[in-house]
């Protein structure tokens, strides 16, 4: 077991610096592609590496200057929430996911009556907002509204139930607004209405889960 630990440590010492360097690549396509690899590396190298090295990099990528990278980082946040310690999920990942949903709302609300607003829109910011709307079912599930992070949490790391329920309620309110907004999309905006339809059952389950804890 000791030999295996030493081997794992040596591998992490080689792979992690390379991965972090690629996350800072000057080409946006490399940074975008690395977003999807960070959850896999977090799962492979464990909670310590995830908390100290990989998640800080993902936080930075979630604020990248290019919307395509931010969209990839958002999806990676959803995946990372399933492999990271509950304390990291609650303190670091959830606020970023909430921020992404809030930004999507603020971007789409003024444009929802625009017949040209669709998945082919050339505005990168609109495209990023549409990508968040498309991930609404995963947002609701990944944020443990149906229990994911709470099952990972230990008594030492889990926030009080009241705080977790309040956070879940805040996320659900944001998702609720985004679902309602998408449902009002004009006939040419079929994708948005489809996002709303697919998210609706997850939204109902989330509210029922919160009511059960009340």
N, C-alpha and C. Protein backbone atom coordinates (compact mmCIF):
# COMPACT_ATOMS: atom_id res chain seq x y z
N UNK A 1 0.83 -1.20 0.00
CA UNK A 1 0.00 0.00 0.00
C UNK A 1 0.86 1.25 0.00
N UNK A 2 1.96 1.20 0.78
CA UNK A 2 2.87 2.35 0.84
C UNK A 2 3.49 2.61 -0.52
N UNK A 3 3.88 1.51 -1.20
CA UNK A 3 4.47 1.67 -2.53
C UNK A 3 3.48 2.27 -3.50
N UNK A 4 2.21 1.84 -3.37
CA UNK A 4 1.17 2.39 -4.26
C UNK A 4 0.99 3.87 -4.00
N UNK A 5 1.00 4.28 -2.71
CA UNK A 5 0.85 5.69 -2.38
C UNK A 5 1.98 6.50 -2.96
N UNK A 6 3.20 5.97 -2.87
CA UNK A 6 4.37 6.67 -3.42
C UNK A 6 4.24 6.82 -4.93
N UNK A 7 3.79 5.74 -5.58
CA UNK A 7 3.60 5.78 -7.04
C UNK A 7 2.55 6.81 -7.43
N UNK A 8 1.42 6.83 -6.69
CA UNK A 8 0.37 7.80 -6.98
C UNK A 8 0.87 9.22 -6.80
N UNK A 9 1.67 9.43 -5.74
CA UNK A 9 2.20 10.76 -5.50
C UNK A 9 3.13 11.21 -6.60
N UNK A 10 3.96 10.29 -7.09
CA UNK A 10 4.88 10.62 -8.18
C UNK A 10 4.12 10.95 -9.45
N UNK A 11 3.05 10.18 -9.71
CA UNK A 11 2.25 10.44 -10.90
C UNK A 11 1.57 11.79 -10.82
N UNK A 12 1.02 12.09 -9.65
CA UNK A 12 0.38 13.39 -9.47
C UNK A 12 1.39 14.51 -9.65
N UNK A 13 2.60 14.29 -9.16
CA UNK A 13 3.64 15.31 -9.29
C UNK A 13 4.02 15.58 -10.73
N UNK A 14 3.81 14.59 -11.60
CA UNK A 14 4.12 14.77 -13.02
C UNK A 14 2.92 15.33 -13.79
N UNK A 15 1.75 14.79 -13.50
CA UNK A 15 0.57 15.11 -14.30
C UNK A 15 -0.05 16.45 -13.92
N UNK A 16 -0.17 16.73 -12.63
CA UNK A 16 -0.88 17.94 -12.21
C UNK A 16 -0.22 19.22 -12.72
N UNK A 17 1.10 19.37 -12.62
CA UNK A 17 1.69 20.61 -13.16
C UNK A 17 1.44 20.77 -14.66
N UNK A 18 1.46 19.65 -15.39
CA UNK A 18 1.19 19.72 -16.83
C UNK A 18 -0.26 20.15 -17.07
N UNK A 19 -1.18 19.56 -16.32
CA UNK A 19 -2.60 19.91 -16.49
C UNK A 19 -2.83 21.38 -16.18
N UNK A 20 -2.24 21.86 -15.09
CA UNK A 20 -2.45 23.26 -14.70
C UNK A 20 -1.84 24.21 -15.73
N UNK A 21 -0.72 23.80 -16.32
CA UNK A 21 -0.11 24.64 -17.36
C UNK A 21 -1.01 24.71 -18.59
N UNK A 22 -1.62 23.59 -18.96
CA UNK A 22 -2.53 23.59 -20.11
C UNK A 22 -3.77 24.44 -19.84
N UNK A 23 -4.18 24.50 -18.58
CA UNK A 23 -5.33 25.35 -18.24
C UNK A 23 -5.05 26.83 -18.48
N UNK A 24 -3.76 27.18 -18.53
CA UNK A 24 -3.37 28.57 -18.76
C UNK A 24 -2.92 28.82 -20.20
N UNK A 25 -3.16 27.85 -21.08
CA UNK A 25 -2.70 27.97 -22.46
C UNK A 25 -3.27 29.22 -23.12
N UNK A 26 -2.51 29.78 -24.05
CA UNK A 26 -2.94 31.02 -24.72
C UNK A 26 -4.08 30.76 -25.69
N UNK A 27 -4.24 29.51 -26.13
CA UNK A 27 -5.32 29.18 -27.07
C UNK A 27 -6.57 28.80 -26.30
N UNK A 28 -7.68 29.46 -26.62
CA UNK A 28 -8.92 29.22 -25.87
C UNK A 28 -9.40 27.79 -26.02
N UNK A 29 -9.13 27.13 -27.17
CA UNK A 29 -9.62 25.76 -27.37
C UNK A 29 -8.94 24.79 -26.42
N UNK A 30 -7.68 25.05 -26.08
CA UNK A 30 -6.97 24.20 -25.12
C UNK A 30 -7.55 24.40 -23.72
N UNK A 31 -7.76 25.66 -23.35
CA UNK A 31 -8.35 25.93 -22.03
C UNK A 31 -9.75 25.33 -21.94
N UNK A 32 -10.52 25.47 -23.02
CA UNK A 32 -11.87 24.92 -23.04
C UNK A 32 -11.84 23.40 -22.86
N UNK A 33 -10.96 22.72 -23.59
CA UNK A 33 -10.89 21.27 -23.51
C UNK A 33 -10.40 20.80 -22.14
N UNK A 34 -9.52 21.58 -21.52
CA UNK A 34 -9.00 21.19 -20.21
C UNK A 34 -10.09 21.26 -19.14
N UNK A 35 -11.07 22.12 -19.33
CA UNK A 35 -12.16 22.19 -18.34
C UNK A 35 -12.79 20.83 -18.13
N UNK A 36 -13.02 20.12 -19.22
CA UNK A 36 -13.66 18.82 -19.12
C UNK A 36 -12.79 17.75 -18.49
N UNK A 37 -11.49 17.98 -18.45
CA UNK A 37 -10.58 16.99 -17.87
C UNK A 37 -10.41 17.18 -16.37
N UNK A 38 -10.66 18.36 -15.85
CA UNK A 38 -10.42 18.62 -14.44
C UNK A 38 -11.27 17.74 -13.51
N UNK A 39 -12.57 17.53 -13.78
CA UNK A 39 -13.32 16.61 -12.91
C UNK A 39 -12.75 15.19 -12.93
N UNK A 40 -12.26 14.73 -14.08
CA UNK A 40 -11.68 13.39 -14.16
C UNK A 40 -10.40 13.31 -13.33
N UNK A 41 -9.59 14.37 -13.40
CA UNK A 41 -8.36 14.39 -12.60
C UNK A 41 -8.67 14.48 -11.12
N UNK A 42 -9.70 15.24 -10.78
CA UNK A 42 -10.10 15.35 -9.36
C UNK A 42 -10.53 13.99 -8.83
N UNK A 43 -11.26 13.24 -9.65
CA UNK A 43 -11.69 11.91 -9.24
C UNK A 43 -10.50 10.97 -9.11
N UNK A 44 -9.52 11.09 -10.01
CA UNK A 44 -8.37 10.18 -10.01
C UNK A 44 -7.42 10.45 -8.85
N UNK A 45 -7.18 11.72 -8.54
CA UNK A 45 -6.15 12.07 -7.56
C UNK A 45 -6.70 12.36 -6.17
N UNK A 46 -8.02 12.40 -6.03
CA UNK A 46 -8.59 12.47 -4.69
C UNK A 46 -8.89 13.88 -4.20
N UNK A 47 -9.51 13.95 -3.01
CA UNK A 47 -10.03 15.23 -2.50
C UNK A 47 -8.97 16.28 -2.21
N UNK A 48 -7.79 15.86 -1.76
CA UNK A 48 -6.76 16.86 -1.43
C UNK A 48 -6.30 17.61 -2.68
N UNK A 49 -6.01 16.85 -3.74
CA UNK A 49 -5.60 17.48 -5.00
C UNK A 49 -6.73 18.32 -5.58
N UNK A 50 -7.95 17.81 -5.46
CA UNK A 50 -9.10 18.57 -5.98
C UNK A 50 -9.23 19.90 -5.27
N UNK A 51 -9.14 19.88 -3.95
CA UNK A 51 -9.36 21.10 -3.16
C UNK A 51 -8.22 22.09 -3.32
N UNK A 52 -6.98 21.62 -3.31
CA UNK A 52 -5.84 22.53 -3.26
C UNK A 52 -5.35 22.98 -4.62
N UNK A 53 -5.56 22.17 -5.67
CA UNK A 53 -4.94 22.49 -6.95
C UNK A 53 -5.92 22.56 -8.12
N UNK A 54 -6.82 21.59 -8.22
CA UNK A 54 -7.66 21.51 -9.41
C UNK A 54 -8.85 22.45 -9.37
N UNK A 55 -9.56 22.50 -8.24
CA UNK A 55 -10.73 23.37 -8.17
C UNK A 55 -10.37 24.86 -8.23
N UNK A 56 -9.27 25.31 -7.61
CA UNK A 56 -8.89 26.72 -7.82
C UNK A 56 -8.69 27.06 -9.30
N UNK A 57 -8.16 26.10 -10.05
CA UNK A 57 -7.97 26.33 -11.49
C UNK A 57 -9.31 26.41 -12.20
N UNK A 58 -10.23 25.56 -11.80
CA UNK A 58 -11.56 25.59 -12.42
C UNK A 58 -12.30 26.88 -12.08
N UNK A 59 -12.11 27.37 -10.86
CA UNK A 59 -12.68 28.66 -10.48
C UNK A 59 -12.18 29.75 -11.42
N UNK A 60 -10.88 29.74 -11.67
CA UNK A 60 -10.30 30.75 -12.57
C UNK A 60 -10.86 30.62 -13.98
N UNK A 61 -10.99 29.38 -14.47
CA UNK A 61 -11.52 29.17 -15.82
C UNK A 61 -12.98 29.59 -15.93
N UNK A 62 -13.70 29.51 -14.83
CA UNK A 62 -15.11 29.92 -14.86
C UNK A 62 -15.26 31.43 -15.05
N UNK A 63 -14.16 32.16 -14.88
CA UNK A 63 -14.16 33.60 -15.13
C UNK A 63 -13.28 33.96 -16.32
N UNK A 64 -13.02 33.00 -17.18
CA UNK A 64 -12.19 33.23 -18.36
C UNK A 64 -12.78 34.34 -19.23
N UNK A 65 -11.92 34.98 -20.00
CA UNK A 65 -12.38 36.09 -20.85
C UNK A 65 -13.27 35.62 -21.99
N UNK A 66 -13.20 34.33 -22.35
CA UNK A 66 -13.97 33.86 -23.51
C UNK A 66 -15.18 33.05 -23.04
N UNK A 67 -16.39 33.36 -23.57
CA UNK A 67 -17.60 32.65 -23.15
C UNK A 67 -17.54 31.14 -23.37
N UNK A 68 -16.85 30.69 -24.42
CA UNK A 68 -16.78 29.25 -24.68
C UNK A 68 -16.06 28.52 -23.55
N UNK A 69 -15.03 29.15 -23.01
CA UNK A 69 -14.30 28.55 -21.89
C UNK A 69 -15.17 28.59 -20.64
N UNK A 70 -15.85 29.69 -20.42
CA UNK A 70 -16.72 29.79 -19.24
C UNK A 70 -17.84 28.75 -19.30
N UNK A 71 -18.38 28.50 -20.50
CA UNK A 71 -19.42 27.49 -20.65
C UNK A 71 -18.88 26.10 -20.32
N UNK A 72 -17.68 25.79 -20.83
CA UNK A 72 -17.06 24.49 -20.54
C UNK A 72 -16.76 24.37 -19.04
N UNK A 73 -16.34 25.47 -18.43
CA UNK A 73 -16.06 25.44 -16.99
C UNK A 73 -17.34 25.20 -16.20
N UNK A 74 -18.43 25.80 -16.64
CA UNK A 74 -19.72 25.60 -15.97
C UNK A 74 -20.10 24.12 -15.99
N UNK A 75 -19.97 23.48 -17.13
CA UNK A 75 -20.30 22.06 -17.21
C UNK A 75 -19.37 21.24 -16.32
N UNK A 76 -18.10 21.65 -16.27
CA UNK A 76 -17.14 20.94 -15.42
C UNK A 76 -17.46 21.12 -13.94
N UNK A 77 -18.00 22.29 -13.58
CA UNK A 77 -18.42 22.50 -12.19
C UNK A 77 -19.49 21.50 -11.80
N UNK A 78 -20.44 21.27 -12.70
CA UNK A 78 -21.53 20.32 -12.42
C UNK A 78 -20.97 18.92 -12.22
N UNK A 79 -20.02 18.54 -13.06
CA UNK A 79 -19.41 17.21 -12.92
C UNK A 79 -18.55 17.11 -11.67
N UNK A 80 -17.83 18.19 -11.36
CA UNK A 80 -16.92 18.18 -10.20
C UNK A 80 -17.68 18.06 -8.89
N UNK A 81 -18.90 18.57 -8.86
CA UNK A 81 -19.68 18.53 -7.62
C UNK A 81 -19.94 17.10 -7.17
N UNK A 82 -19.84 16.14 -8.08
CA UNK A 82 -20.10 14.74 -7.73
C UNK A 82 -18.85 14.03 -7.22
N UNK A 83 -17.67 14.63 -7.40
CA UNK A 83 -16.44 13.94 -7.01
C UNK A 83 -15.64 14.70 -5.96
N UNK A 84 -16.04 15.92 -5.64
CA UNK A 84 -15.30 16.74 -4.68
C UNK A 84 -15.89 16.60 -3.27
N UNK A 85 -15.10 16.90 -2.25
CA UNK A 85 -15.62 16.88 -0.88
C UNK A 85 -16.80 17.84 -0.73
N UNK A 86 -17.74 17.48 0.14
CA UNK A 86 -18.95 18.29 0.31
C UNK A 86 -18.61 19.72 0.71
N UNK A 87 -17.57 19.90 1.53
CA UNK A 87 -17.21 21.25 1.97
C UNK A 87 -16.78 22.11 0.78
N UNK A 88 -16.05 21.51 -0.18
CA UNK A 88 -15.62 22.24 -1.38
C UNK A 88 -16.82 22.54 -2.26
N UNK A 89 -17.73 21.59 -2.38
CA UNK A 89 -18.94 21.80 -3.18
C UNK A 89 -19.72 22.99 -2.65
N UNK A 90 -19.96 23.00 -1.33
CA UNK A 90 -20.79 24.04 -0.73
C UNK A 90 -20.10 25.40 -0.75
N UNK A 91 -18.80 25.43 -0.44
CA UNK A 91 -18.11 26.71 -0.28
C UNK A 91 -17.63 27.31 -1.59
N UNK A 92 -17.30 26.46 -2.57
CA UNK A 92 -16.65 26.94 -3.79
C UNK A 92 -17.48 26.74 -5.05
N UNK A 93 -17.97 25.51 -5.25
CA UNK A 93 -18.62 25.20 -6.52
C UNK A 93 -20.04 25.75 -6.60
N UNK A 94 -20.82 25.57 -5.54
CA UNK A 94 -22.21 26.01 -5.59
C UNK A 94 -22.34 27.51 -5.86
N UNK A 95 -21.56 28.38 -5.17
CA UNK A 95 -21.67 29.81 -5.49
C UNK A 95 -21.37 30.13 -6.96
N UNK A 96 -20.42 29.40 -7.56
CA UNK A 96 -20.11 29.64 -8.97
C UNK A 96 -21.25 29.19 -9.87
N UNK A 97 -21.89 28.07 -9.53
CA UNK A 97 -23.02 27.60 -10.32
C UNK A 97 -24.18 28.58 -10.20
N UNK A 98 -24.42 29.08 -8.99
CA UNK A 98 -25.46 30.09 -8.78
C UNK A 98 -25.16 31.33 -9.61
N UNK A 99 -23.91 31.74 -9.61
CA UNK A 99 -23.51 32.92 -10.40
C UNK A 99 -23.78 32.71 -11.88
N UNK A 100 -23.48 31.51 -12.38
CA UNK A 100 -23.70 31.23 -13.80
C UNK A 100 -25.18 31.27 -14.16
N UNK A 101 -26.02 30.70 -13.29
CA UNK A 101 -27.47 30.73 -13.56
C UNK A 101 -27.99 32.16 -13.50
N UNK A 102 -27.51 32.94 -12.52
CA UNK A 102 -27.93 34.34 -12.40
C UNK A 102 -27.54 35.14 -13.64
N UNK A 103 -26.31 34.93 -14.10
CA UNK A 103 -25.83 35.63 -15.30
C UNK A 103 -26.65 35.25 -16.52
N UNK A 104 -26.99 33.96 -16.62
CA UNK A 104 -27.82 33.50 -17.74
C UNK A 104 -29.18 34.20 -17.73
N UNK A 105 -29.78 34.30 -16.56
CA UNK A 105 -31.06 35.00 -16.44
C UNK A 105 -30.94 36.45 -16.89
N UNK A 106 -29.92 37.13 -16.38
CA UNK A 106 -29.74 38.55 -16.70
C UNK A 106 -29.48 38.76 -18.19
N UNK A 107 -28.84 37.78 -18.83
CA UNK A 107 -28.54 37.89 -20.26
C UNK A 107 -29.77 37.62 -21.11
N UNK A 108 -30.56 36.63 -20.73
CA UNK A 108 -31.68 36.21 -21.57
C UNK A 108 -32.94 37.06 -21.39
N UNK A 109 -33.17 37.56 -20.18
CA UNK A 109 -34.43 38.28 -19.92
C UNK A 109 -34.68 39.43 -20.90
N UNK A 110 -33.68 40.28 -21.19
CA UNK A 110 -33.97 41.38 -22.12
C UNK A 110 -34.16 40.93 -23.56
N UNK A 111 -33.79 39.69 -23.87
CA UNK A 111 -33.79 39.23 -25.26
C UNK A 111 -34.86 38.18 -25.55
N UNK A 112 -35.67 37.81 -24.56
CA UNK A 112 -36.56 36.68 -24.74
C UNK A 112 -37.61 36.94 -25.82
N UNK A 113 -37.91 38.20 -26.10
CA UNK A 113 -38.88 38.53 -27.14
C UNK A 113 -38.24 38.70 -28.51
N UNK A 114 -36.94 38.42 -28.59
CA UNK A 114 -36.21 38.55 -29.85
C UNK A 114 -36.37 37.26 -30.65
N UNK A 115 -37.00 37.35 -31.80
CA UNK A 115 -37.26 36.15 -32.61
C UNK A 115 -35.98 35.51 -33.12
N UNK A 116 -34.87 36.24 -33.07
CA UNK A 116 -33.59 35.71 -33.57
C UNK A 116 -32.76 35.08 -32.46
N UNK A 117 -33.30 35.05 -31.26
CA UNK A 117 -32.58 34.43 -30.15
C UNK A 117 -32.73 32.92 -30.24
N UNK A 118 -31.68 32.24 -30.61
CA UNK A 118 -31.74 30.78 -30.69
C UNK A 118 -30.32 30.23 -30.52
N UNK A 119 -30.19 28.94 -30.64
CA UNK A 119 -28.89 28.30 -30.39
C UNK A 119 -27.84 28.63 -31.43
N UNK A 120 -28.27 29.26 -32.53
CA UNK A 120 -27.31 29.64 -33.56
C UNK A 120 -26.86 31.09 -33.41
N UNK A 121 -27.29 31.73 -32.34
CA UNK A 121 -26.97 33.14 -32.14
C UNK A 121 -25.47 33.35 -32.15
N UNK A 122 -25.03 34.40 -32.83
CA UNK A 122 -23.60 34.67 -32.97
C UNK A 122 -23.01 35.39 -31.77
N UNK A 123 -23.84 35.91 -30.89
CA UNK A 123 -23.34 36.60 -29.71
C UNK A 123 -22.84 35.55 -28.71
N UNK A 124 -21.51 35.54 -28.39
CA UNK A 124 -20.98 34.50 -27.50
C UNK A 124 -21.63 34.51 -26.11
N UNK A 125 -21.97 35.70 -25.61
CA UNK A 125 -22.59 35.78 -24.29
C UNK A 125 -23.97 35.13 -24.29
N UNK A 126 -24.73 35.36 -25.37
CA UNK A 126 -26.04 34.72 -25.50
C UNK A 126 -25.86 33.21 -25.60
N UNK A 127 -24.89 32.78 -26.39
CA UNK A 127 -24.63 31.35 -26.53
C UNK A 127 -24.30 30.70 -25.19
N UNK A 128 -23.51 31.38 -24.36
CA UNK A 128 -23.17 30.85 -23.04
C UNK A 128 -24.40 30.75 -22.16
N UNK A 129 -25.28 31.77 -22.22
CA UNK A 129 -26.50 31.75 -21.43
C UNK A 129 -27.42 30.62 -21.86
N UNK A 130 -27.51 30.40 -23.17
CA UNK A 130 -28.34 29.30 -23.67
C UNK A 130 -27.79 27.95 -23.22
N UNK A 131 -26.47 27.85 -23.13
CA UNK A 131 -25.86 26.60 -22.67
C UNK A 131 -26.21 26.32 -21.22
N UNK A 132 -26.25 27.36 -20.41
CA UNK A 132 -26.65 27.19 -19.00
C UNK A 132 -28.10 26.72 -18.94
N UNK A 133 -28.97 27.33 -19.74
CA UNK A 133 -30.38 26.93 -19.76
C UNK A 133 -30.53 25.46 -20.16
N UNK A 134 -29.69 25.02 -21.10
CA UNK A 134 -29.75 23.63 -21.55
C UNK A 134 -29.36 22.66 -20.45
N UNK A 135 -28.57 23.13 -19.48
CA UNK A 135 -28.07 22.25 -18.41
C UNK A 135 -28.95 22.31 -17.15
N UNK A 136 -30.10 22.94 -17.22
CA UNK A 136 -30.91 23.10 -16.01
C UNK A 136 -31.21 21.79 -15.27
N UNK A 137 -31.57 20.70 -15.96
CA UNK A 137 -31.79 19.46 -15.21
C UNK A 137 -30.56 19.04 -14.41
N UNK A 138 -29.38 19.17 -15.02
CA UNK A 138 -28.14 18.80 -14.32
C UNK A 138 -27.85 19.78 -13.18
N UNK A 139 -28.17 21.05 -13.38
CA UNK A 139 -27.96 22.03 -12.31
C UNK A 139 -28.74 21.61 -11.07
N UNK A 140 -30.01 21.32 -11.26
CA UNK A 140 -30.88 21.00 -10.12
C UNK A 140 -30.42 19.71 -9.44
N UNK A 141 -30.07 18.71 -10.23
CA UNK A 141 -29.64 17.45 -9.65
C UNK A 141 -28.28 17.58 -8.98
N UNK A 142 -27.32 18.22 -9.66
CA UNK A 142 -25.96 18.28 -9.17
C UNK A 142 -25.85 19.09 -7.90
N UNK A 143 -26.68 20.07 -7.72
CA UNK A 143 -26.59 20.91 -6.52
C UNK A 143 -27.22 20.24 -5.31
N UNK A 144 -27.44 18.94 -5.40
CA UNK A 144 -27.85 18.13 -4.25
C UNK A 144 -29.22 18.48 -3.74
N UNK A 145 -30.02 19.13 -4.58
CA UNK A 145 -31.36 19.45 -4.12
C UNK A 145 -32.12 18.14 -3.89
N UNK A 146 -31.72 17.10 -4.60
CA UNK A 146 -32.30 15.79 -4.34
C UNK A 146 -31.36 14.92 -3.52
N UNK A 147 -30.32 15.52 -2.90
CA UNK A 147 -29.55 14.80 -1.90
C UNK A 147 -28.12 14.45 -2.20
N UNK A 148 -27.55 14.81 -3.36
CA UNK A 148 -26.22 14.33 -3.73
C UNK A 148 -25.12 14.76 -2.76
N UNK A 149 -24.94 16.06 -2.56
CA UNK A 149 -23.84 16.51 -1.71
C UNK A 149 -24.09 16.18 -0.26
N UNK A 150 -25.34 16.16 0.14
CA UNK A 150 -25.65 15.84 1.53
C UNK A 150 -25.28 14.39 1.83
N UNK A 151 -25.38 13.51 0.86
CA UNK A 151 -24.99 12.13 1.08
C UNK A 151 -23.47 12.03 1.21
N UNK A 152 -22.71 12.88 0.50
CA UNK A 152 -21.26 12.86 0.61
C UNK A 152 -20.79 13.45 1.92
N UNK A 153 -21.57 14.38 2.47
CA UNK A 153 -21.10 15.16 3.60
C UNK A 153 -20.93 14.30 4.85
N UNK A 154 -19.94 14.67 5.65
CA UNK A 154 -19.77 14.06 6.96
C UNK A 154 -20.22 15.06 8.00
N UNK A 155 -20.33 14.60 9.24
CA UNK A 155 -20.76 15.50 10.30
C UNK A 155 -19.74 16.61 10.51
N UNK A 156 -18.48 16.36 10.13
CA UNK A 156 -17.45 17.36 10.33
C UNK A 156 -17.47 18.45 9.27
N UNK A 157 -17.94 18.12 8.06
CA UNK A 157 -17.81 19.07 6.96
C UNK A 157 -19.15 19.64 6.50
N UNK A 158 -20.25 19.01 6.84
CA UNK A 158 -21.54 19.44 6.30
C UNK A 158 -22.01 20.72 6.99
N UNK A 159 -22.47 21.71 6.22
CA UNK A 159 -23.11 22.88 6.83
C UNK A 159 -24.40 22.45 7.51
N UNK A 160 -24.91 23.24 8.45
CA UNK A 160 -26.19 22.91 9.09
C UNK A 160 -27.29 22.74 8.05
N UNK A 161 -28.23 21.86 8.36
CA UNK A 161 -29.31 21.55 7.41
C UNK A 161 -30.05 22.80 6.98
N UNK A 162 -30.30 23.71 7.93
CA UNK A 162 -31.02 24.93 7.59
C UNK A 162 -30.31 25.73 6.53
N UNK A 163 -28.96 25.80 6.64
CA UNK A 163 -28.20 26.57 5.66
C UNK A 163 -28.23 25.86 4.30
N UNK A 164 -28.14 24.52 4.32
CA UNK A 164 -28.19 23.78 3.06
C UNK A 164 -29.55 23.95 2.40
N UNK A 165 -30.61 23.89 3.19
CA UNK A 165 -31.96 24.04 2.64
C UNK A 165 -32.17 25.44 2.08
N UNK A 166 -31.62 26.45 2.77
CA UNK A 166 -31.75 27.82 2.28
C UNK A 166 -31.02 27.99 0.96
N UNK A 167 -29.84 27.37 0.84
CA UNK A 167 -29.08 27.46 -0.40
C UNK A 167 -29.82 26.74 -1.52
N UNK A 168 -30.35 25.55 -1.21
CA UNK A 168 -31.11 24.82 -2.22
C UNK A 168 -32.30 25.63 -2.69
N UNK A 169 -32.99 26.29 -1.75
CA UNK A 169 -34.15 27.10 -2.12
C UNK A 169 -33.74 28.25 -3.02
N UNK A 170 -32.59 28.87 -2.72
CA UNK A 170 -32.13 29.98 -3.56
C UNK A 170 -31.84 29.50 -4.98
N UNK A 171 -31.16 28.35 -5.08
CA UNK A 171 -30.86 27.80 -6.40
C UNK A 171 -32.14 27.48 -7.15
N UNK A 172 -33.08 26.87 -6.45
CA UNK A 172 -34.34 26.50 -7.11
C UNK A 172 -35.10 27.73 -7.59
N UNK A 173 -35.08 28.80 -6.80
CA UNK A 173 -35.77 30.03 -7.23
C UNK A 173 -35.17 30.56 -8.53
N UNK A 174 -33.83 30.53 -8.61
CA UNK A 174 -33.17 30.98 -9.83
C UNK A 174 -33.53 30.07 -11.01
N UNK A 175 -33.48 28.76 -10.77
CA UNK A 175 -33.82 27.81 -11.84
C UNK A 175 -35.28 27.95 -12.25
N UNK A 176 -36.13 28.18 -11.25
CA UNK A 176 -37.56 28.37 -11.53
C UNK A 176 -37.76 29.55 -12.46
N UNK A 177 -37.09 30.66 -12.17
CA UNK A 177 -37.21 31.85 -13.03
C UNK A 177 -36.72 31.56 -14.44
N UNK A 178 -35.62 30.81 -14.54
CA UNK A 178 -35.06 30.51 -15.86
C UNK A 178 -35.98 29.57 -16.64
N UNK A 179 -36.57 28.59 -15.96
CA UNK A 179 -37.52 27.69 -16.62
C UNK A 179 -38.72 28.47 -17.14
N UNK A 180 -39.27 29.35 -16.29
CA UNK A 180 -40.43 30.14 -16.71
C UNK A 180 -40.08 31.05 -17.88
N UNK A 181 -38.89 31.63 -17.82
CA UNK A 181 -38.44 32.51 -18.90
C UNK A 181 -38.34 31.73 -20.21
N UNK A 182 -37.72 30.55 -20.15
CA UNK A 182 -37.57 29.74 -21.37
C UNK A 182 -38.91 29.30 -21.92
N UNK A 183 -39.87 29.06 -21.02
CA UNK A 183 -41.19 28.60 -21.48
C UNK A 183 -41.93 29.68 -22.26
N UNK A 184 -41.52 30.94 -22.08
CA UNK A 184 -42.16 32.06 -22.78
C UNK A 184 -41.52 32.37 -24.12
N UNK A 185 -40.51 31.60 -24.49
CA UNK A 185 -39.79 31.88 -25.73
C UNK A 185 -40.72 31.80 -26.94
N UNK A 186 -40.42 32.60 -27.93
CA UNK A 186 -41.23 32.67 -29.14
C UNK A 186 -41.15 31.37 -29.94
N UNK A 187 -42.11 31.14 -30.86
CA UNK A 187 -42.11 29.89 -31.65
C UNK A 187 -40.77 29.55 -32.31
N UNK A 188 -40.01 30.52 -32.84
CA UNK A 188 -38.74 30.11 -33.46
C UNK A 188 -37.73 29.57 -32.44
N UNK A 189 -37.94 29.86 -31.16
CA UNK A 189 -36.98 29.48 -30.14
C UNK A 189 -37.36 28.13 -29.52
N UNK A 190 -37.46 27.13 -30.36
CA UNK A 190 -37.90 25.82 -29.91
C UNK A 190 -36.98 25.26 -28.83
N UNK A 191 -35.67 25.45 -28.99
CA UNK A 191 -34.72 24.86 -28.05
C UNK A 191 -34.97 25.35 -26.63
N UNK A 192 -35.27 26.64 -26.47
CA UNK A 192 -35.50 27.17 -25.13
C UNK A 192 -36.73 26.54 -24.49
N UNK A 193 -37.80 26.37 -25.25
CA UNK A 193 -39.00 25.76 -24.70
C UNK A 193 -38.75 24.29 -24.36
N UNK A 194 -37.91 23.63 -25.16
CA UNK A 194 -37.54 22.25 -24.84
C UNK A 194 -36.74 22.18 -23.54
N UNK A 195 -35.84 23.14 -23.32
CA UNK A 195 -35.07 23.18 -22.07
C UNK A 195 -36.03 23.30 -20.89
N UNK A 196 -37.03 24.16 -21.03
CA UNK A 196 -38.00 24.34 -19.94
C UNK A 196 -38.76 23.05 -19.66
N UNK A 197 -39.18 22.37 -20.71
CA UNK A 197 -39.94 21.13 -20.54
C UNK A 197 -39.12 20.05 -19.85
N UNK A 198 -37.85 19.94 -20.24
CA UNK A 198 -36.99 18.90 -19.65
C UNK A 198 -36.64 19.21 -18.20
N UNK A 199 -36.56 20.48 -17.86
CA UNK A 199 -36.17 20.86 -16.49
C UNK A 199 -37.33 20.79 -15.51
N UNK A 200 -38.55 20.88 -16.02
CA UNK A 200 -39.71 21.00 -15.13
C UNK A 200 -39.83 19.86 -14.11
N UNK A 201 -39.71 18.59 -14.52
CA UNK A 201 -39.83 17.52 -13.51
C UNK A 201 -38.76 17.60 -12.43
N UNK A 202 -37.53 17.99 -12.81
CA UNK A 202 -36.44 18.12 -11.84
C UNK A 202 -36.75 19.24 -10.86
N UNK A 203 -37.36 20.29 -11.38
CA UNK A 203 -37.73 21.43 -10.53
C UNK A 203 -38.77 21.00 -9.49
N UNK A 204 -39.75 20.24 -9.92
CA UNK A 204 -40.79 19.77 -9.00
C UNK A 204 -40.18 18.89 -7.92
N UNK A 205 -39.29 17.96 -8.31
CA UNK A 205 -38.65 17.08 -7.33
C UNK A 205 -37.84 17.89 -6.32
N UNK A 206 -37.17 18.94 -6.83
CA UNK A 206 -36.38 19.77 -5.93
C UNK A 206 -37.22 20.46 -4.89
N UNK A 207 -38.34 21.05 -5.31
CA UNK A 207 -39.22 21.73 -4.35
C UNK A 207 -39.80 20.73 -3.36
N UNK A 208 -40.19 19.55 -3.82
CA UNK A 208 -40.74 18.56 -2.92
C UNK A 208 -39.71 18.11 -1.90
N UNK A 209 -38.45 18.00 -2.33
CA UNK A 209 -37.39 17.60 -1.40
C UNK A 209 -37.19 18.64 -0.32
N UNK A 210 -37.27 19.93 -0.70
CA UNK A 210 -37.10 20.99 0.29
C UNK A 210 -38.27 21.00 1.26
N UNK A 211 -39.49 20.83 0.73
CA UNK A 211 -40.66 20.82 1.60
C UNK A 211 -40.61 19.66 2.59
N UNK A 212 -40.04 18.54 2.17
CA UNK A 212 -39.95 17.38 3.06
C UNK A 212 -39.02 17.63 4.23
N UNK A 213 -38.02 18.53 4.01
CA UNK A 213 -37.06 18.83 5.09
C UNK A 213 -37.57 19.92 6.01
N UNK A 214 -38.57 20.66 5.56
CA UNK A 214 -39.03 21.81 6.34
C UNK A 214 -39.70 21.37 7.65
